[in-house]
N, C-alpha and C. Protein backbone atom coordinates (compact mmCIF):
# COMPACT_ATOMS: atom_id res chain seq x y z
N MET A 1 0.84 -1.17 0.00
CA MET A 1 0.00 0.00 0.00
C MET A 1 0.89 1.24 0.00
N LYS A 2 0.57 2.21 -0.82
CA LYS A 2 1.26 3.49 -0.87
C LYS A 2 0.56 4.45 0.08
N THR A 3 1.34 5.15 0.91
CA THR A 3 0.76 6.05 1.90
C THR A 3 1.34 7.45 1.77
N LEU A 4 0.58 8.42 2.23
CA LEU A 4 1.00 9.81 2.25
C LEU A 4 0.64 10.39 3.60
N VAL A 5 1.64 10.93 4.30
CA VAL A 5 1.44 11.57 5.59
C VAL A 5 1.55 13.07 5.39
N ILE A 6 0.56 13.81 5.87
CA ILE A 6 0.53 15.26 5.74
C ILE A 6 0.92 15.89 7.07
N GLY A 7 1.94 16.77 7.04
CA GLY A 7 2.34 17.48 8.24
C GLY A 7 3.85 17.51 8.42
N THR A 8 4.29 18.20 9.49
CA THR A 8 5.72 18.42 9.71
C THR A 8 6.18 18.10 11.13
N GLY A 9 5.29 17.73 12.02
CA GLY A 9 5.65 17.62 13.42
C GLY A 9 5.99 16.23 13.91
N GLY A 10 6.13 16.14 15.22
CA GLY A 10 6.45 14.89 15.87
C GLY A 10 5.38 13.83 15.68
N ARG A 11 4.12 14.24 15.71
CA ARG A 11 3.01 13.30 15.49
C ARG A 11 3.13 12.66 14.11
N GLU A 12 3.43 13.48 13.11
CA GLU A 12 3.55 12.98 11.75
C GLU A 12 4.79 12.08 11.61
N HIS A 13 5.85 12.42 12.33
CA HIS A 13 7.04 11.57 12.32
C HIS A 13 6.70 10.20 12.88
N ALA A 14 5.98 10.15 13.99
CA ALA A 14 5.58 8.87 14.58
C ALA A 14 4.69 8.08 13.63
N LEU A 15 3.78 8.75 12.96
CA LEU A 15 2.90 8.08 11.99
C LEU A 15 3.71 7.51 10.82
N ALA A 16 4.62 8.31 10.28
CA ALA A 16 5.43 7.84 9.16
C ALA A 16 6.32 6.67 9.58
N LEU A 17 6.89 6.74 10.77
CA LEU A 17 7.74 5.67 11.26
C LEU A 17 6.94 4.38 11.41
N ALA A 18 5.76 4.48 12.00
CA ALA A 18 4.91 3.29 12.16
C ALA A 18 4.51 2.71 10.81
N LEU A 19 4.15 3.57 9.88
CA LEU A 19 3.78 3.09 8.54
C LEU A 19 4.96 2.43 7.84
N SER A 20 6.16 2.98 8.02
CA SER A 20 7.34 2.42 7.36
C SER A 20 7.66 1.02 7.88
N ARG A 21 7.22 0.71 9.08
CA ARG A 21 7.48 -0.61 9.69
C ARG A 21 6.40 -1.63 9.38
N ASP A 22 5.31 -1.19 8.77
CA ASP A 22 4.20 -2.09 8.44
C ASP A 22 4.54 -2.87 7.17
N PRO A 23 4.54 -4.19 7.24
CA PRO A 23 4.88 -4.98 6.05
C PRO A 23 3.89 -4.82 4.89
N ASN A 24 2.70 -4.32 5.16
CA ASN A 24 1.71 -4.10 4.11
C ASN A 24 1.90 -2.77 3.38
N VAL A 25 2.80 -1.93 3.88
CA VAL A 25 3.04 -0.61 3.28
C VAL A 25 4.29 -0.70 2.41
N SER A 26 4.11 -0.41 1.13
CA SER A 26 5.23 -0.48 0.18
C SER A 26 5.97 0.85 0.06
N GLU A 27 5.26 1.96 0.24
CA GLU A 27 5.87 3.29 0.11
C GLU A 27 5.27 4.24 1.14
N VAL A 28 6.15 5.06 1.74
CA VAL A 28 5.69 6.12 2.64
C VAL A 28 6.18 7.44 2.06
N HIS A 29 5.26 8.34 1.85
CA HIS A 29 5.56 9.69 1.35
C HIS A 29 5.05 10.67 2.39
N ALA A 30 5.66 11.85 2.44
CA ALA A 30 5.23 12.88 3.39
C ALA A 30 5.29 14.25 2.73
N ALA A 31 4.35 15.09 3.11
CA ALA A 31 4.31 16.45 2.58
C ALA A 31 3.92 17.42 3.70
N PRO A 32 4.65 18.44 3.97
CA PRO A 32 5.99 18.63 3.47
C PRO A 32 7.04 17.84 4.25
N GLY A 33 6.68 17.34 5.43
CA GLY A 33 7.62 16.54 6.21
C GLY A 33 8.69 17.38 6.88
N ASN A 34 9.71 16.71 7.40
CA ASN A 34 10.87 17.35 8.03
C ASN A 34 12.05 16.39 7.89
N PRO A 35 13.26 16.80 8.25
CA PRO A 35 14.41 15.91 8.07
C PRO A 35 14.28 14.55 8.76
N GLY A 36 13.67 14.52 9.93
CA GLY A 36 13.46 13.24 10.62
C GLY A 36 12.52 12.33 9.86
N ILE A 37 11.44 12.89 9.37
CA ILE A 37 10.49 12.11 8.57
C ILE A 37 11.16 11.65 7.28
N GLY A 38 12.06 12.47 6.75
CA GLY A 38 12.77 12.13 5.53
C GLY A 38 13.64 10.89 5.65
N GLN A 39 13.92 10.46 6.87
CA GLN A 39 14.69 9.23 7.06
C GLN A 39 13.87 7.98 6.78
N VAL A 40 12.54 8.11 6.84
CA VAL A 40 11.67 6.93 6.64
C VAL A 40 10.66 7.13 5.51
N ALA A 41 10.64 8.32 4.91
CA ALA A 41 9.66 8.62 3.87
C ALA A 41 10.27 9.51 2.80
N THR A 42 9.66 9.50 1.64
CA THR A 42 10.04 10.41 0.57
C THR A 42 9.30 11.72 0.79
N LEU A 43 10.04 12.82 0.84
CA LEU A 43 9.43 14.12 1.11
C LEU A 43 9.00 14.81 -0.18
N HIS A 44 7.92 15.59 -0.07
CA HIS A 44 7.40 16.35 -1.20
C HIS A 44 7.11 17.77 -0.72
N ALA A 45 7.58 18.75 -1.46
CA ALA A 45 7.41 20.16 -1.10
C ALA A 45 6.03 20.64 -1.51
N VAL A 46 5.04 20.34 -0.68
CA VAL A 46 3.66 20.74 -0.95
C VAL A 46 3.15 21.46 0.29
N ASP A 47 2.46 22.57 0.10
CA ASP A 47 1.87 23.31 1.21
C ASP A 47 0.68 22.51 1.73
N GLU A 48 0.78 22.07 2.97
CA GLU A 48 -0.27 21.23 3.56
C GLU A 48 -1.61 21.94 3.70
N LEU A 49 -1.62 23.26 3.59
CA LEU A 49 -2.87 24.02 3.73
C LEU A 49 -3.58 24.26 2.40
N VAL A 50 -2.98 23.80 1.31
CA VAL A 50 -3.59 23.95 -0.02
C VAL A 50 -4.15 22.59 -0.42
N GLY A 51 -5.43 22.42 -0.16
CA GLY A 51 -6.09 21.14 -0.38
C GLY A 51 -5.94 20.60 -1.78
N GLU A 52 -6.02 21.48 -2.77
CA GLU A 52 -5.90 21.05 -4.16
C GLU A 52 -4.52 20.47 -4.44
N ALA A 53 -3.48 21.08 -3.86
CA ALA A 53 -2.11 20.60 -4.06
C ALA A 53 -1.90 19.25 -3.39
N VAL A 54 -2.47 19.09 -2.19
CA VAL A 54 -2.36 17.81 -1.48
C VAL A 54 -3.10 16.72 -2.26
N ALA A 55 -4.28 17.03 -2.74
CA ALA A 55 -5.06 16.06 -3.52
C ALA A 55 -4.33 15.68 -4.80
N ALA A 56 -3.74 16.66 -5.48
CA ALA A 56 -3.00 16.38 -6.71
C ALA A 56 -1.80 15.49 -6.43
N LEU A 57 -1.10 15.74 -5.32
CA LEU A 57 0.04 14.91 -4.96
C LEU A 57 -0.41 13.48 -4.67
N ALA A 58 -1.46 13.34 -3.87
CA ALA A 58 -1.97 12.01 -3.53
C ALA A 58 -2.36 11.24 -4.79
N THR A 59 -3.00 11.92 -5.72
CA THR A 59 -3.41 11.29 -6.97
C THR A 59 -2.19 10.89 -7.81
N SER A 60 -1.23 11.79 -7.92
CA SER A 60 -0.05 11.50 -8.74
C SER A 60 0.78 10.35 -8.17
N LEU A 61 0.78 10.22 -6.84
CA LEU A 61 1.52 9.13 -6.20
C LEU A 61 0.75 7.80 -6.25
N GLY A 62 -0.55 7.89 -6.45
CA GLY A 62 -1.39 6.70 -6.35
C GLY A 62 -1.55 6.26 -4.91
N ALA A 63 -1.56 7.24 -4.00
CA ALA A 63 -1.67 6.94 -2.57
C ALA A 63 -3.00 6.26 -2.27
N GLU A 64 -2.91 5.17 -1.54
CA GLU A 64 -4.11 4.43 -1.15
C GLU A 64 -4.59 4.83 0.24
N LEU A 65 -3.71 5.50 1.00
CA LEU A 65 -4.05 5.99 2.34
C LEU A 65 -3.38 7.32 2.54
N VAL A 66 -4.15 8.33 2.92
CA VAL A 66 -3.61 9.64 3.26
C VAL A 66 -3.93 9.90 4.72
N VAL A 67 -2.88 10.20 5.51
CA VAL A 67 -3.06 10.47 6.93
C VAL A 67 -2.72 11.94 7.17
N VAL A 68 -3.69 12.70 7.66
CA VAL A 68 -3.49 14.12 7.94
C VAL A 68 -3.28 14.27 9.44
N GLY A 69 -2.07 14.71 9.81
CA GLY A 69 -1.73 14.84 11.22
C GLY A 69 -2.23 16.13 11.86
N PRO A 70 -1.88 17.29 11.33
CA PRO A 70 -2.28 18.55 11.98
C PRO A 70 -3.76 18.87 11.78
N GLU A 71 -4.28 19.67 12.66
CA GLU A 71 -5.69 20.05 12.59
C GLU A 71 -5.99 21.05 11.48
N ALA A 72 -5.07 21.96 11.21
CA ALA A 72 -5.32 23.04 10.24
C ALA A 72 -5.70 22.51 8.85
N PRO A 73 -4.99 21.53 8.30
CA PRO A 73 -5.37 21.04 6.97
C PRO A 73 -6.71 20.31 6.92
N LEU A 74 -7.13 19.81 8.07
CA LEU A 74 -8.41 19.10 8.09
C LEU A 74 -9.54 20.05 7.78
């Protein structure tokens, strides 16, 4: 399963780390992420507050699961 984690904080780092350890997850992507998240996921420079940009990224990646960590993008 291809996944996309939205956000830059510690919560998102924990989510990306857990997803990276799941044997059912083939790819972990994060937007915009941070250097720590970048150790377990591919980072993408997308503004998490621009819904259209996040949706376009998820579509282009073929993400099957998108996890939004921060409240603001929700």
